[in-house]
């Protein structure tokens, strides 16, 4: 998770992640686009914020990158 946080925050030289664009798609769509297959419902539920409060895009993006569905790919 630490690497995913650093990557999503743009703290790796020469690497740019557009966290806003990834997070704007929604968790299920972003995971599908990034991995090429439909993510598990459990993965989507774990990443989405059940309280309905807005989560910062780098946090959502880091959670997607650190998710088992993304790691399998």
PDB file of N, CA and C in Angstrom:
ATOM      1  N   UNK A   1       0.829  -1.192   0.000  1.00  0.00           N
ATOM      2  CA  UNK A   1       0.000   0.000   0.000  1.00  0.00           C
ATOM      3  C   UNK A   1       0.871   1.252   0.000  1.00  0.00           C
ATOM      4  N   UNK A   2       2.025   1.190   0.658  1.00  0.00           N
ATOM      5  CA  UNK A   2       2.900   2.360   0.713  1.00  0.00           C
ATOM      6  C   UNK A   2       3.350   2.761  -0.692  1.00  0.00           C
ATOM      7  N   UNK A   3       3.722   1.777  -1.513  1.00  0.00           N
ATOM      8  CA  UNK A   3       4.145   2.086  -2.876  1.00  0.00           C
ATOM      9  C   UNK A   3       2.996   2.700  -3.663  1.00  0.00           C
ATOM     10  N   UNK A   4       1.802   2.144  -3.518  1.00  0.00           N
ATOM     11  CA  UNK A   4       0.634   2.676  -4.226  1.00  0.00           C
ATOM     12  C   UNK A   4       0.355   4.115  -3.817  1.00  0.00           C
ATOM     13  N   UNK A   5       0.501   4.431  -2.537  1.00  0.00           N
ATOM     14  CA  UNK A   5       0.301   5.806  -2.065  1.00  0.00           C
ATOM     15  C   UNK A   5       1.323   6.759  -2.681  1.00  0.00           C
ATOM     16  N   UNK A   6       2.571   6.343  -2.700  1.00  0.00           N
ATOM     17  CA  UNK A   6       3.641   7.174  -3.266  1.00  0.00           C
ATOM     18  C   UNK A   6       3.420   7.375  -4.765  1.00  0.00           C
ATOM     19  N   UNK A   7       3.046   6.300  -5.450  1.00  0.00           N
ATOM     20  CA  UNK A   7       2.795   6.375  -6.889  1.00  0.00           C
ATOM     21  C   UNK A   7       1.624   7.304  -7.194  1.00  0.00           C
ATOM     22  N   UNK A   8       0.510   7.120  -6.501  1.00  0.00           N
ATOM     23  CA  UNK A   8      -0.685   7.932  -6.752  1.00  0.00           C
ATOM     24  C   UNK A   8      -0.488   9.397  -6.387  1.00  0.00           C
ATOM     25  N   UNK A   9       0.404   9.659  -5.438  1.00  0.00           N
ATOM     26  CA  UNK A   9       0.675  11.035  -5.024  1.00  0.00           C
ATOM     27  C   UNK A   9       1.670  11.734  -5.933  1.00  0.00           C
ATOM     28  N   UNK A  10       2.195  11.022  -6.924  1.00  0.00           N
ATOM     29  CA  UNK A  10       3.128  11.629  -7.868  1.00  0.00           C
ATOM     30  C   UNK A  10       4.514  11.855  -7.305  1.00  0.00           C
ATOM     31  N   UNK A  11       4.915  11.019  -6.353  1.00  0.00           N
ATOM     32  CA  UNK A  11       6.204  11.198  -5.699  1.00  0.00           C
ATOM     33  C   UNK A  11       7.315  10.327  -6.273  1.00  0.00           C
ATOM     34  N   UNK A  12       7.070   9.695  -7.412  1.00  0.00           N
ATOM     35  CA  UNK A  12       8.098   8.899  -8.079  1.00  0.00           C
ATOM     36  C   UNK A  12       8.534   9.674  -9.316  1.00  0.00           C
ATOM     37  N   UNK A  13       9.803  10.003  -9.347  1.00  0.00           N
ATOM     38  CA  UNK A  13      10.343  10.807 -10.451  1.00  0.00           C
ATOM     39  C   UNK A  13      10.115  10.114 -11.791  1.00  0.00           C
ATOM     40  N   UNK A  14       9.617  10.880 -12.748  1.00  0.00           N
ATOM     41  CA  UNK A  14       9.422  10.371 -14.098  1.00  0.00           C
ATOM     42  C   UNK A  14       8.118   9.625 -14.310  1.00  0.00           C
ATOM     43  N   UNK A  15       7.307   9.498 -13.261  1.00  0.00           N
ATOM     44  CA  UNK A  15       6.032   8.786 -13.376  1.00  0.00           C
ATOM     45  C   UNK A  15       4.906   9.742 -13.026  1.00  0.00           C
ATOM     46  N   UNK A  16       3.908   9.809 -13.880  1.00  0.00           N
ATOM     47  CA  UNK A  16       2.758  10.686 -13.649  1.00  0.00           C
ATOM     48  C   UNK A  16       1.496   9.843 -13.646  1.00  0.00           C
ATOM     49  N   UNK A  17       0.749   9.915 -12.575  1.00  0.00           N
ATOM     50  CA  UNK A  17      -0.540   9.228 -12.473  1.00  0.00           C
ATOM     51  C   UNK A  17      -1.617  10.299 -12.358  1.00  0.00           C
ATOM     52  N   UNK A  18      -2.596  10.253 -13.239  1.00  0.00           N
ATOM     53  CA  UNK A  18      -3.690  11.213 -13.187  1.00  0.00           C
ATOM     54  C   UNK A  18      -4.771  10.653 -12.265  1.00  0.00           C
ATOM     55  N   UNK A  19      -4.572  10.837 -10.966  1.00  0.00           N
ATOM     56  CA  UNK A  19      -5.479  10.294  -9.959  1.00  0.00           C
ATOM     57  C   UNK A  19      -6.887  10.843 -10.116  1.00  0.00           C
ATOM     58  N   UNK A  20      -7.008  12.096 -10.513  1.00  0.00           N
ATOM     59  CA  UNK A  20      -8.339  12.687 -10.693  1.00  0.00           C
ATOM     60  C   UNK A  20      -9.122  11.954 -11.790  1.00  0.00           C
ATOM     61  N   UNK A  21      -8.457  11.666 -12.899  1.00  0.00           N
ATOM     62  CA  UNK A  21      -9.119  10.984 -14.014  1.00  0.00           C
ATOM     63  C   UNK A  21      -9.491   9.555 -13.644  1.00  0.00           C
ATOM     64  N   UNK A  22      -8.619   8.881 -12.927  1.00  0.00           N
ATOM     65  CA  UNK A  22      -8.898   7.506 -12.514  1.00  0.00           C
ATOM     66  C   UNK A  22     -10.074   7.469 -11.545  1.00  0.00           C
ATOM     67  N   UNK A  23     -10.017   8.309 -10.528  1.00  0.00           N
ATOM     68  CA  UNK A  23     -11.072   8.324  -9.510  1.00  0.00           C
ATOM     69  C   UNK A  23     -12.409   8.790 -10.071  1.00  0.00           C
ATOM     70  N   UNK A  24     -12.376   9.677 -11.069  1.00  0.00           N
ATOM     71  CA  UNK A  24     -13.616  10.208 -11.646  1.00  0.00           C
ATOM     72  C   UNK A  24     -14.427   9.124 -12.352  1.00  0.00           C
ATOM     73  N   UNK A  25     -13.783   8.065 -12.798  1.00  0.00           N
ATOM     74  CA  UNK A  25     -14.469   6.984 -13.499  1.00  0.00           C
ATOM     75  C   UNK A  25     -15.315   6.131 -12.559  1.00  0.00           C
ATOM     76  N   UNK A  26     -14.997   6.166 -11.291  1.00  0.00           N
ATOM     77  CA  UNK A  26     -15.629   5.253 -10.346  1.00  0.00           C
ATOM     78  C   UNK A  26     -14.753   4.025 -10.195  1.00  0.00           C
ATOM     79  N   UNK A  27     -14.870   3.383  -9.078  1.00  0.00           N
ATOM     80  CA  UNK A  27     -13.982   2.256  -8.750  1.00  0.00           C
ATOM     81  C   UNK A  27     -14.144   1.105  -9.741  1.00  0.00           C
ATOM     82  N   UNK A  28     -15.368   0.666  -9.975  1.00  0.00           N
ATOM     83  CA  UNK A  28     -15.580  -0.497 -10.857  1.00  0.00           C
ATOM     84  C   UNK A  28     -15.063  -0.220 -12.275  1.00  0.00           C
ATOM     85  N   UNK A  29     -15.397   0.922 -12.817  1.00  0.00           N
ATOM     86  CA  UNK A  29     -14.967   1.266 -14.190  1.00  0.00           C
ATOM     87  C   UNK A  29     -13.447   1.403 -14.261  1.00  0.00           C
ATOM     88  N   UNK A  30     -12.851   2.059 -13.257  1.00  0.00           N
ATOM     89  CA  UNK A  30     -11.400   2.236 -13.259  1.00  0.00           C
ATOM     90  C   UNK A  30     -10.684   0.890 -13.193  1.00  0.00           C
ATOM     91  N   UNK A  31     -11.131   0.007 -12.317  1.00  0.00           N
ATOM     92  CA  UNK A  31     -10.504  -1.315 -12.224  1.00  0.00           C
ATOM     93  C   UNK A  31     -10.680  -2.110 -13.513  1.00  0.00           C
ATOM     94  N   UNK A  32     -11.860  -2.023 -14.110  1.00  0.00           N
ATOM     95  CA  UNK A  32     -12.098  -2.734 -15.367  1.00  0.00           C
ATOM     96  C   UNK A  32     -11.186  -2.197 -16.462  1.00  0.00           C
ATOM     97  N   UNK A  33     -11.067  -0.881 -16.565  1.00  0.00           N
ATOM     98  CA  UNK A  33     -10.201  -0.279 -17.587  1.00  0.00           C
ATOM     99  C   UNK A  33      -8.729  -0.608 -17.354  1.00  0.00           C
ATOM    100  N   UNK A  34      -8.299  -0.612 -16.097  1.00  0.00           N
ATOM    101  CA  UNK A  34      -6.885  -0.833 -15.792  1.00  0.00           C
ATOM    102  C   UNK A  34      -6.465  -2.297 -15.864  1.00  0.00           C
ATOM    103  N   UNK A  35      -7.392  -3.204 -15.562  1.00  0.00           N
ATOM    104  CA  UNK A  35      -7.028  -4.624 -15.528  1.00  0.00           C
ATOM    105  C   UNK A  35      -7.518  -5.402 -16.729  1.00  0.00           C
ATOM    106  N   UNK A  36      -8.561  -4.895 -17.391  1.00  0.00           N
ATOM    107  CA  UNK A  36      -9.092  -5.591 -18.545  1.00  0.00           C
ATOM    108  C   UNK A  36     -10.161  -6.611 -18.209  1.00  0.00           C
ATOM    109  N   UNK A  37     -10.549  -6.723 -16.958  1.00  0.00           N
ATOM    110  CA  UNK A  37     -11.628  -7.625 -16.579  1.00  0.00           C
ATOM    111  C   UNK A  37     -12.426  -7.039 -15.425  1.00  0.00           C
ATOM    112  N   UNK A  38     -13.617  -7.586 -15.215  1.00  0.00           N
ATOM    113  CA  UNK A  38     -14.525  -7.105 -14.176  1.00  0.00           C
ATOM    114  C   UNK A  38     -13.966  -7.442 -12.780  1.00  0.00           C
ATOM    115  N   UNK A  39     -13.852  -6.445 -11.905  1.00  0.00           N
ATOM    116  CA  UNK A  39     -13.331  -6.713 -10.560  1.00  0.00           C
ATOM    117  C   UNK A  39     -14.359  -7.432  -9.685  1.00  0.00           C
ATOM    118  N   UNK A  40     -13.862  -8.077  -8.646  1.00  0.00           N
ATOM    119  CA  UNK A  40     -14.746  -8.742  -7.684  1.00  0.00           C
ATOM    120  C   UNK A  40     -15.585  -7.703  -6.945  1.00  0.00           C
ATOM    121  N   UNK A  41     -16.819  -8.047  -6.661  1.00  0.00           N
ATOM    122  CA  UNK A  41     -17.702  -7.137  -5.926  1.00  0.00           C
ATOM    123  C   UNK A  41     -17.102  -6.755  -4.578  1.00  0.00           C
ATOM    124  N   UNK A  42     -16.425  -7.688  -3.935  1.00  0.00           N
ATOM    125  CA  UNK A  42     -15.810  -7.432  -2.633  1.00  0.00           C
ATOM    126  C   UNK A  42     -14.725  -6.360  -2.738  1.00  0.00           C
ATOM    127  N   UNK A  43     -13.972  -6.391  -3.825  1.00  0.00           N
ATOM    128  CA  UNK A  43     -12.916  -5.401  -4.027  1.00  0.00           C
ATOM    129  C   UNK A  43     -13.509  -4.011  -4.203  1.00  0.00           C
ATOM    130  N   UNK A  44     -14.538  -3.913  -5.027  1.00  0.00           N
ATOM    131  CA  UNK A  44     -15.186  -2.623  -5.265  1.00  0.00           C
ATOM    132  C   UNK A  44     -15.774  -2.089  -3.962  1.00  0.00           C
ATOM    133  N   UNK A  45     -16.448  -2.944  -3.216  1.00  0.00           N
ATOM    134  CA  UNK A  45     -17.066  -2.524  -1.954  1.00  0.00           C
ATOM    135  C   UNK A  45     -16.022  -2.071  -0.941  1.00  0.00           C
ATOM    136  N   UNK A  46     -14.871  -2.717  -0.926  1.00  0.00           N
ATOM    137  CA  UNK A  46     -13.812  -2.351   0.022  1.00  0.00           C
ATOM    138  C   UNK A  46     -13.203  -0.993  -0.304  1.00  0.00           C
ATOM    139  N   UNK A  47     -13.169  -0.633  -1.572  1.00  0.00           N
ATOM    140  CA  UNK A  47     -12.550   0.627  -1.982  1.00  0.00           C
ATOM    141  C   UNK A  47     -13.538   1.791  -1.913  1.00  0.00           C
ATOM    142  N   UNK A  48     -14.789   1.540  -2.288  1.00  0.00           N
ATOM    143  CA  UNK A  48     -15.774   2.619  -2.266  1.00  0.00           C
ATOM    144  C   UNK A  48     -16.043   3.052  -0.833  1.00  0.00           C
ATOM    145  N   UNK A  49     -16.337   4.316  -0.662  1.00  0.00           N
ATOM    146  CA  UNK A  49     -16.593   4.866   0.669  1.00  0.00           C
ATOM    147  C   UNK A  49     -18.068   4.690   1.017  1.00  0.00           C
ATOM    148  N   UNK A  50     -18.388   3.792   1.958  1.00  0.00           N
ATOM    149  CA  UNK A  50     -19.795   3.539   2.274  1.00  0.00           C
ATOM    150  C   UNK A  50     -20.508   4.727   2.931  1.00  0.00           C
ATOM    151  N   UNK A  51     -19.757   5.653   3.489  1.00  0.00           N
ATOM    152  CA  UNK A  51     -20.391   6.788   4.158  1.00  0.00           C
ATOM    153  C   UNK A  51     -20.897   7.827   3.167  1.00  0.00           C
ATOM    154  N   UNK A  52     -20.462   7.716   1.916  1.00  0.00           N
ATOM    155  CA  UNK A  52     -20.883   8.665   0.902  1.00  0.00           C
ATOM    156  C   UNK A  52     -20.053   9.936   0.876  1.00  0.00           C
ATOM    157  N   UNK A  53     -19.119  10.079   1.804  1.00  0.00           N
ATOM    158  CA  UNK A  53     -18.246  11.253   1.816  1.00  0.00           C
ATOM    159  C   UNK A  53     -17.237  11.145   0.677  1.00  0.00           C
ATOM    160  N   UNK A  54     -16.853  12.285   0.159  1.00  0.00           N
ATOM    161  CA  UNK A  54     -15.870  12.313  -0.932  1.00  0.00           C
ATOM    162  C   UNK A  54     -14.491  11.939  -0.398  1.00  0.00           C
ATOM    163  N   UNK A  55     -13.840  11.047  -1.104  1.00  0.00           N
ATOM    164  CA  UNK A  55     -12.485  10.628  -0.757  1.00  0.00           C
ATOM    165  C   UNK A  55     -11.542  11.245  -1.781  1.00  0.00           C
ATOM    166  N   UNK A  56     -10.404  11.720  -1.338  1.00  0.00           N
ATOM    167  CA  UNK A  56      -9.431  12.353  -2.234  1.00  0.00           C
ATOM    168  C   UNK A  56      -9.029  11.381  -3.350  1.00  0.00           C
ATOM    169  N   UNK A  57      -8.977  11.850  -4.604  1.00  0.00           N
ATOM    170  CA  UNK A  57      -8.623  10.988  -5.724  1.00  0.00           C
ATOM    171  C   UNK A  57      -7.327  10.192  -5.537  1.00  0.00           C
ATOM    172  N   UNK A  58      -6.251  10.771  -4.971  1.00  0.00           N
ATOM    173  CA  UNK A  58      -5.060   9.945  -4.778  1.00  0.00           C
ATOM    174  C   UNK A  58      -5.284   8.760  -3.829  1.00  0.00           C
ATOM    175  N   UNK A  59      -6.181   8.912  -2.874  1.00  0.00           N
ATOM    176  CA  UNK A  59      -6.486   7.812  -1.948  1.00  0.00           C
ATOM    177  C   UNK A  59      -7.243   6.704  -2.682  1.00  0.00           C
ATOM    178  N   UNK A  60      -8.223   7.088  -3.499  1.00  0.00           N
ATOM    179  CA  UNK A  60      -8.974   6.108  -4.285  1.00  0.00           C
ATOM    180  C   UNK A  60      -8.040   5.398  -5.258  1.00  0.00           C
ATOM    181  N   UNK A  61      -7.204   6.144  -5.942  1.00  0.00           N
ATOM    182  CA  UNK A  61      -6.278   5.574  -6.914  1.00  0.00           C
ATOM    183  C   UNK A  61      -5.289   4.630  -6.241  1.00  0.00           C
ATOM    184  N   UNK A  62      -4.758   5.005  -5.091  1.00  0.00           N
ATOM    185  CA  UNK A  62      -3.836   4.137  -4.359  1.00  0.00           C
ATOM    186  C   UNK A  62      -4.525   2.841  -3.948  1.00  0.00           C
ATOM    187  N   UNK A  63      -5.764   2.931  -3.496  1.00  0.00           N
ATOM    188  CA  UNK A  63      -6.508   1.729  -3.101  1.00  0.00           C
ATOM    189  C   UNK A  63      -6.734   0.815  -4.301  1.00  0.00           C
ATOM    190  N   UNK A  64      -7.008   1.398  -5.457  1.00  0.00           N
ATOM    191  CA  UNK A  64      -7.178   0.597  -6.676  1.00  0.00           C
ATOM    192  C   UNK A  64      -5.872  -0.099  -7.039  1.00  0.00           C
ATOM    193  N   UNK A  65      -4.768   0.631  -7.021  1.00  0.00           N
ATOM    194  CA  UNK A  65      -3.465   0.060  -7.368  1.00  0.00           C
ATOM    195  C   UNK A  65      -3.059  -1.042  -6.390  1.00  0.00           C
ATOM    196  N   UNK A  66      -3.401  -0.876  -5.129  1.00  0.00           N
ATOM    197  CA  UNK A  66      -3.039  -1.858  -4.104  1.00  0.00           C
ATOM    198  C   UNK A  66      -4.022  -3.027  -4.023  1.00  0.00           C
ATOM    199  N   UNK A  67      -5.136  -2.947  -4.745  1.00  0.00           N
ATOM    200  CA  UNK A  67      -6.168  -3.982  -4.647  1.00  0.00           C
ATOM    201  C   UNK A  67      -5.689  -5.318  -5.231  1.00  0.00           C
ATOM    202  N   UNK A  68      -6.222  -6.425  -4.714  1.00  0.00           N
ATOM    203  CA  UNK A  68      -5.859  -7.740  -5.253  1.00  0.00           C
ATOM    204  C   UNK A  68      -6.174  -7.880  -6.734  1.00  0.00           C
ATOM    205  N   UNK A  69      -7.288  -7.301  -7.195  1.00  0.00           N
ATOM    206  CA  UNK A  69      -7.635  -7.412  -8.607  1.00  0.00           C
ATOM    207  C   UNK A  69      -6.595  -6.727  -9.495  1.00  0.00           C
ATOM    208  N   UNK A  70      -6.099  -5.581  -9.073  1.00  0.00           N
ATOM    209  CA  UNK A  70      -5.068  -4.896  -9.858  1.00  0.00           C
ATOM    210  C   UNK A  70      -3.745  -5.665  -9.763  1.00  0.00           C
ATOM    211  N   UNK A  71      -3.410  -6.178  -8.597  1.00  0.00           N
ATOM    212  CA  UNK A  71      -2.150  -6.903  -8.401  1.00  0.00           C
ATOM    213  C   UNK A  71      -2.099  -8.178  -9.229  1.00  0.00           C
ATOM    214  N   UNK A  72      -3.237  -8.841  -9.427  1.00  0.00           N
ATOM    215  CA  UNK A  72      -3.274 -10.059 -10.238  1.00  0.00           C
ATOM    216  C   UNK A  72      -2.869  -9.775 -11.665  1.00  0.00           C
ATOM    217  N   UNK A  73      -3.214  -8.608 -12.131  1.00  0.00           N
ATOM    218  CA  UNK A  73      -2.947  -8.229 -13.505  1.00  0.00           C
ATOM    219  C   UNK A  73      -1.464  -8.000 -13.687  1.00  0.00           C
TER     220      UNK A  73
END
